[in-house]
Structures are given as C-alpha cells and as structure tokens.
C-alpha atoms as a PDB file:
ATOM      1  CA  MET A   1       0.000   0.000   0.000  1.00  0.00           C
ATOM      2  CA  LYS A   2       2.855   2.398   0.814  1.00  0.00           C
ATOM      3  CA  LYS A   3       4.438   1.711  -2.596  1.00  0.00           C
ATOM      4  CA  ILE A   4       1.185   2.548  -4.382  1.00  0.00           C
ATOM      5  CA  LEU A   5       0.835   5.814  -2.458  1.00  0.00           C
ATOM      6  CA  ALA A   6       4.463   6.683  -3.221  1.00  0.00           C
ATOM      7  CA  ILE A   7       3.929   5.995  -6.938  1.00  0.00           C
ATOM      8  CA  ILE A   8       0.768   8.128  -6.953  1.00  0.00           C
ATOM      9  CA  LEU A   9       2.615  10.941  -5.155  1.00  0.00           C
ATOM     10  CA  VAL A  10       5.478  10.797  -7.680  1.00  0.00           C
ATOM     11  CA  LEU A  11       3.021  10.890 -10.603  1.00  0.00           C
ATOM     12  CA  ILE A  12       1.132  13.849  -9.151  1.00  0.00           C
ATOM     13  CA  THR A  13       4.416  15.668  -8.547  1.00  0.00           C
ATOM     14  CA  ALA A  14       5.556  14.969 -12.116  1.00  0.00           C
ATOM     15  CA  VAL A  15       2.282  16.302 -13.541  1.00  0.00           C
ATOM     16  CA  LEU A  16       2.498  19.452 -11.414  1.00  0.00           C
ATOM     17  CA  ILE A  17       6.095  20.058 -12.483  1.00  0.00           C
ATOM     18  CA  PHE A  18       5.070  19.579 -16.122  1.00  0.00           C
ATOM     19  CA  PHE A  19       2.303  22.198 -15.802  1.00  0.00           C
ATOM     20  CA  PHE A  20       4.614  24.656 -14.043  1.00  0.00           C
ATOM     21  CA  ILE A  21       7.135  24.243 -16.883  1.00  0.00           C
ATOM     22  CA  LEU A  22       4.390  24.812 -19.492  1.00  0.00           C
ATOM     23  CA  GLY A  23       3.229  27.898 -17.587  1.00  0.00           C
ATOM     24  CA  TYR A  24       6.772  29.234 -17.535  1.00  0.00           C
ATOM     25  CA  LYS A  25       7.230  28.476 -21.236  1.00  0.00           C
ATOM     26  CA  SER A  26       4.018  30.373 -22.080  1.00  0.00           C
ATOM     27  CA  GLN A  27       5.455  33.557 -20.587  1.00  0.00           C
ATOM     28  CA  THR A  28       7.745  34.066 -23.584  1.00  0.00           C
ATOM     29  CA  GLY A  29       6.475  35.227 -26.928  1.00  0.00           C
ATOM     30  CA  ALA A  30       3.940  37.770 -28.067  1.00  0.00           C
ATOM     31  CA  ALA A  31       0.697  38.109 -29.955  1.00  0.00           C
ATOM     32  CA  LEU A  32       0.993  37.211 -33.637  1.00  0.00           C
ATOM     33  CA  GLY A  33      -0.169  40.605 -34.879  1.00  0.00           C
ATOM     34  CA  LEU A  34      -1.895  41.420 -38.132  1.00  0.00           C
ATOM     35  CA  MET A  35      -1.181  39.928 -41.536  1.00  0.00           C
ATOM     36  CA  ASP A  36      -2.571  41.794 -44.535  1.00  0.00           C
ATOM     37  CA  ASN A  37      -4.509  43.938 -42.030  1.00  0.00           C
ATOM     38  CA  LYS A  38      -6.363  40.896 -40.610  1.00  0.00           C
ATOM     39  CA  LEU A  39      -5.988  38.730 -37.535  1.00  0.00           C
ATOM     40  CA  GLN A  40      -3.971  35.589 -38.171  1.00  0.00           C
ATOM     41  CA  ALA A  41      -5.429  32.084 -38.329  1.00  0.00           C
ATOM     42  CA  CYS A  42      -5.749  29.779 -35.347  1.00  0.00           C
ATOM     43  CA  PRO A  43      -3.396  26.825 -34.976  1.00  0.00           C
ATOM     44  CA  ASP A  44      -4.828  23.316 -35.279  1.00  0.00           C
ATOM     45  CA  THR A  45      -5.336  23.076 -31.522  1.00  0.00           C
ATOM     46  CA  PRO A  46      -8.706  23.699 -29.842  1.00  0.00           C
ATOM     47  CA  ASN A  47      -7.382  26.502 -27.624  1.00  0.00           C
ATOM     48  CA  CYS A  48      -8.113  29.399 -29.968  1.00  0.00           C
ATOM     49  CA  VAL A  49     -11.124  31.349 -31.226  1.00  0.00           C
ATOM     50  CA  LEU A  50     -11.209  33.715 -34.179  1.00  0.00           C
ATOM     51  CA  SER A  51     -13.887  35.891 -35.749  1.00  0.00           C
ATOM     52  CA  GLU A  52     -12.145  36.805 -38.955  1.00  0.00           C
ATOM     53  CA  ALA A  53     -11.689  33.885 -41.318  1.00  0.00           C
ATOM     54  CA  ASP A  54     -13.305  30.943 -43.009  1.00  0.00           C
ATOM     55  CA  ILE A  55     -12.256  28.434 -40.400  1.00  0.00           C
ATOM     56  CA  VAL A  56     -13.408  25.253 -38.725  1.00  0.00           C
ATOM     57  CA  ALA A  57     -16.600  25.890 -36.768  1.00  0.00           C
ATOM     58  CA  GLU A  58     -15.041  24.964 -33.416  1.00  0.00           C
ATOM     59  CA  PHE A  59     -12.617  27.912 -33.736  1.00  0.00           C
ATOM     60  CA  TYR A  60     -15.101  30.472 -35.058  1.00  0.00           C
ATOM     61  CA  ILE A  61     -16.656  33.139 -32.894  1.00  0.00           C
ATOM     62  CA  ASP A  62     -18.924  35.905 -34.177  1.00  0.00           C
ATOM     63  CA  PRO A  63     -17.483  39.395 -34.469  1.00  0.00           C
ATOM     64  CA  LEU A  64     -19.115  42.183 -32.531  1.00  0.00           C
ATOM     65  CA  ASP A  65     -21.086  44.998 -34.165  1.00  0.00           C
ATOM     66  CA  ILE A  66     -19.808  48.401 -33.105  1.00  0.00           C
ATOM     67  CA  GLY A  67     -23.424  49.488 -32.798  1.00  0.00           C
ATOM     68  CA  ASN A  68     -24.257  53.112 -32.019  1.00  0.00           C
ATOM     69  CA  TYR A  69     -20.728  53.890 -30.854  1.00  0.00           C
ATOM     70  CA  SER A  70     -18.154  55.866 -32.781  1.00  0.00           C
ATOM     71  CA  THR A  71     -14.935  53.967 -33.502  1.00  0.00           C
ATOM     72  CA  ALA A  72     -13.147  55.919 -30.758  1.00  0.00           C
ATOM     73  CA  ALA A  73     -15.917  55.221 -28.236  1.00  0.00           C
ATOM     74  CA  ALA A  74     -15.945  51.516 -29.182  1.00  0.00           C
ATOM     75  CA  ILE A  75     -12.183  51.282 -28.616  1.00  0.00           C
ATOM     76  CA  GLU A  76     -12.518  53.059 -25.263  1.00  0.00           C
ATOM     77  CA  LYS A  77     -15.291  50.709 -24.137  1.00  0.00           C
ATOM     78  CA  ILE A  78     -13.383  47.588 -25.240  1.00  0.00           C
ATOM     79  CA  THR A  79     -10.233  48.856 -23.481  1.00  0.00           C
ATOM     80  CA  THR A  80     -12.174  49.440 -20.262  1.00  0.00           C
ATOM     81  CA  LEU A  81     -13.650  45.924 -20.429  1.00  0.00           C
ATOM     82  CA  ILE A  82     -10.214  44.384 -21.026  1.00  0.00           C
ATOM     83  CA  LEU A  83      -8.660  46.139 -18.047  1.00  0.00           C
ATOM     84  CA  ALA A  84     -11.636  45.294 -15.822  1.00  0.00           C
ATOM     85  CA  SER A  85     -11.321  41.618 -16.753  1.00  0.00           C
ATOM     86  CA  GLY A  86      -7.649  41.445 -15.772  1.00  0.00           C
ATOM     87  CA  GLY A  87      -6.052  41.883 -19.182  1.00  0.00           C
ATOM     88  CA  GLU A  88      -2.737  43.627 -19.662  1.00  0.00           C
ATOM     89  CA  ILE A  89      -2.570  45.736 -22.814  1.00  0.00           C
ATOM     90  CA  HIS A  90       0.764  45.477 -24.658  1.00  0.00           C
ATOM     91  CA  THR A  91      -0.095  47.078 -27.998  1.00  0.00           C
ATOM     92  CA  ASP A  92      -2.688  49.784 -28.451  1.00  0.00           C
ATOM     93  CA  GLU A  93      -2.542  51.055 -31.999  1.00  0.00           C
ATOM     94  CA  GLN A  94      -5.307  52.957 -33.711  1.00  0.00           C
ATOM     95  CA  LEU A  95      -7.449  49.950 -34.714  1.00  0.00           C
ATOM     96  CA  TYR A  96      -5.526  47.037 -33.136  1.00  0.00           C
ATOM     97  CA  ILE A  97      -5.113  45.986 -29.509  1.00  0.00           C
ATOM     98  CA  ALA A  98      -2.927  43.135 -28.204  1.00  0.00           C
ATOM     99  CA  VAL A  99      -3.562  41.911 -24.665  1.00  0.00           C
ATOM    100  CA  THR A 100      -2.318  39.126 -22.411  1.00  0.00           C
ATOM    101  CA  TYR A 101      -4.158  37.273 -19.696  1.00  0.00           C
ATOM    102  CA  ARG A 102      -2.355  35.160 -17.108  1.00  0.00           C
ATOM    103  CA  SER A 103      -4.052  32.256 -15.318  1.00  0.00           C
ATOM    104  CA  SER A 104      -3.900  32.268 -11.543  1.00  0.00           C
ATOM    105  CA  ILE A 105      -2.713  28.661 -11.390  1.00  0.00           C
ATOM    106  CA  PHE A 106       0.513  27.804 -13.259  1.00  0.00           C
ATOM    107  CA  SER A 107       0.598  31.350 -14.809  1.00  0.00           C
ATOM    108  CA  PHE A 108      -0.408  30.244 -18.321  1.00  0.00           C
ATOM    109  CA  VAL A 109      -0.439  33.192 -20.748  1.00  0.00           C
ATOM    110  CA  ASP A 110      -3.157  33.667 -23.370  1.00  0.00           C
ATOM    111  CA  ASP A 111      -3.097  36.323 -26.088  1.00  0.00           C
ATOM    112  CA  LEU A 112      -6.194  38.321 -26.999  1.00  0.00           C
ATOM    113  CA  GLU A 113      -6.033  40.396 -30.155  1.00  0.00           C
ATOM    114  CA  ILE A 114      -8.720  42.813 -31.254  1.00  0.00           C
ATOM    115  CA  ARG A 115      -9.021  44.479 -34.633  1.00  0.00           C
ATOM    116  CA  ILE A 116     -11.551  47.217 -35.292  1.00  0.00           C
ATOM    117  CA  ASP A 117     -12.948  47.208 -38.826  1.00  0.00           C
ATOM    118  CA  ALA A 118     -14.250  50.763 -39.080  1.00  0.00           C
ATOM    119  CA  GLN A 119     -15.626  50.252 -42.615  1.00  0.00           C
ATOM    120  CA  GLN A 120     -17.663  47.157 -41.731  1.00  0.00           C
ATOM    121  CA  GLN A 121     -18.436  48.497 -38.229  1.00  0.00           C
ATOM    122  CA  LYS A 122     -17.177  45.240 -36.657  1.00  0.00           C
ATOM    123  CA  ILE A 123     -14.863  44.315 -33.817  1.00  0.00           C
ATOM    124  CA  HIS A 124     -12.892  41.149 -34.574  1.00  0.00           C
ATOM    125  CA  PHE A 125     -11.285  38.890 -31.989  1.00  0.00           C
ATOM    126  CA  ARG A 126      -8.513  36.311 -31.839  1.00  0.00           C
ATOM    127  CA  SER A 127      -7.902  34.720 -28.467  1.00  0.00           C
ATOM    128  CA  ALA A 128      -5.404  31.869 -28.141  1.00  0.00           C
ATOM    129  CA  SER A 129      -3.304  30.025 -25.609  1.00  0.00           C
ATOM    130  CA  ARG A 130       0.425  30.167 -26.211  1.00  0.00           C
ATOM    131  CA  VAL A 131       1.073  26.564 -25.164  1.00  0.00           C
ATOM    132  CA  GLY A 132      -0.813  23.321 -24.785  1.00  0.00           C
ATOM    133  CA  LYS A 133      -3.759  21.907 -26.660  1.00  0.00           C
ATOM    134  CA  SER A 134      -6.737  22.622 -24.453  1.00  0.00           C
ATOM    135  CA  ASP A 135      -7.785  25.745 -22.632  1.00  0.00           C
ATOM    136  CA  LEU A 136     -10.978  24.254 -21.158  1.00  0.00           C
ATOM    137  CA  GLY A 137     -12.949  26.890 -23.080  1.00  0.00           C
ATOM    138  CA  ALA A 138     -11.219  29.851 -21.424  1.00  0.00           C
ATOM    139  CA  ASN A 139     -10.529  31.810 -24.631  1.00  0.00           C
ATOM    140  CA  ARG A 140     -14.096  31.489 -25.927  1.00  0.00           C
ATOM    141  CA  ALA A 141     -15.519  32.389 -22.506  1.00  0.00           C
ATOM    142  CA  ARG A 142     -13.232  35.438 -22.266  1.00  0.00           C
ATOM    143  CA  VAL A 143     -14.327  36.814 -25.659  1.00  0.00           C
ATOM    144  CA  GLU A 144     -17.999  36.101 -24.928  1.00  0.00           C
ATOM    145  CA  ALA A 145     -17.709  37.952 -21.601  1.00  0.00           C
ATOM    146  CA  ILE A 146     -16.174  40.980 -23.319  1.00  0.00           C
ATOM    147  CA  LYS A 147     -18.894  40.918 -25.967  1.00  0.00           C
ATOM    148  CA  GLU A 148     -21.584  40.684 -23.285  1.00  0.00           C
ATOM    149  CA  GLY A 149     -20.058  43.567 -21.345  1.00  0.00           C
ATOM    150  CA  TYR A 150     -19.924  45.639 -24.522  1.00  0.00           C
ATOM    151  CA  ALA A 151     -23.621  45.026 -25.186  1.00  0.00           C
ATOM    152  CA  ASN A 152     -24.626  46.179 -21.686  1.00  0.00           C
END
C-alpha cells in the first residue's frame, strides 16, 4: 500500500512540475499581430477562437457589431472591459489591440487580439493560448464575456 501511495505521489508531482514548466514556457512570446490587415489564423489546436476567417466551426466566434458607438468610443469601451477583466494591454494602436491574460494557477499566458474594422463596423477577436492543446474553453468564454459587457 505504501508503494502505491508513493507511486501516486510521484506521478502527481511529475504532472504538477510539467504544468509549471508549461506555464513558464508560455510567458515568452507575443501576440501574432496582423497579416494583410487581418488577424492571423488559429493553430490546429482547440485553444483558440477567431472571428475573422473561413475556419473550422469549433474555432469560429462571431465578431461584434460596433453598434451606435463611434470607432473611438468603441475602442474606449473595449479597453475598459479588457482592463476590468484582468487583461494587460501590450499594444494599443489605432485599430488594433494586443492583450495578455495570465491564469492564476501555473501562470499560463493567453493572447487576446482585437481588430476594429471601421468600414464594416465590426470588432474582430482572436484569443489563443500560447502553449498546450486545451484551454478548457477559457478563450471562448473570455471573448464572450467581453462581448456581453460591450452590449450592456
């Protein structure tokens, strides 16, 4: 019985160390940025959502209509929602915002990118984890929460 408990303890320790290493690894890098004035595609892992491409349905998320706001007011509202939700803004250009979010456990870093399409009156999103394959729906939930806050 003691051997089984020791083996279980070693396995749990190994898993925790693995996640701490992944969390540390995710702290390097940056958002992908724009390509041809559009947000870049998601990788083939289910830890990304994107509103701006013909992509697999599991990665797609609807863009947000700017609504009755001016472009400047829309950017201000989105920025306020990002900061209130714990995001750290790294790039704030005229129509593009790059943000990071850090998980409380293991310090995993996710990138959120927002592109304002002033002509189409849309706000596009790309939210992706830097490492791993699954995010347990965190990126989709984050974008949906921002969209909900924007609508209220």
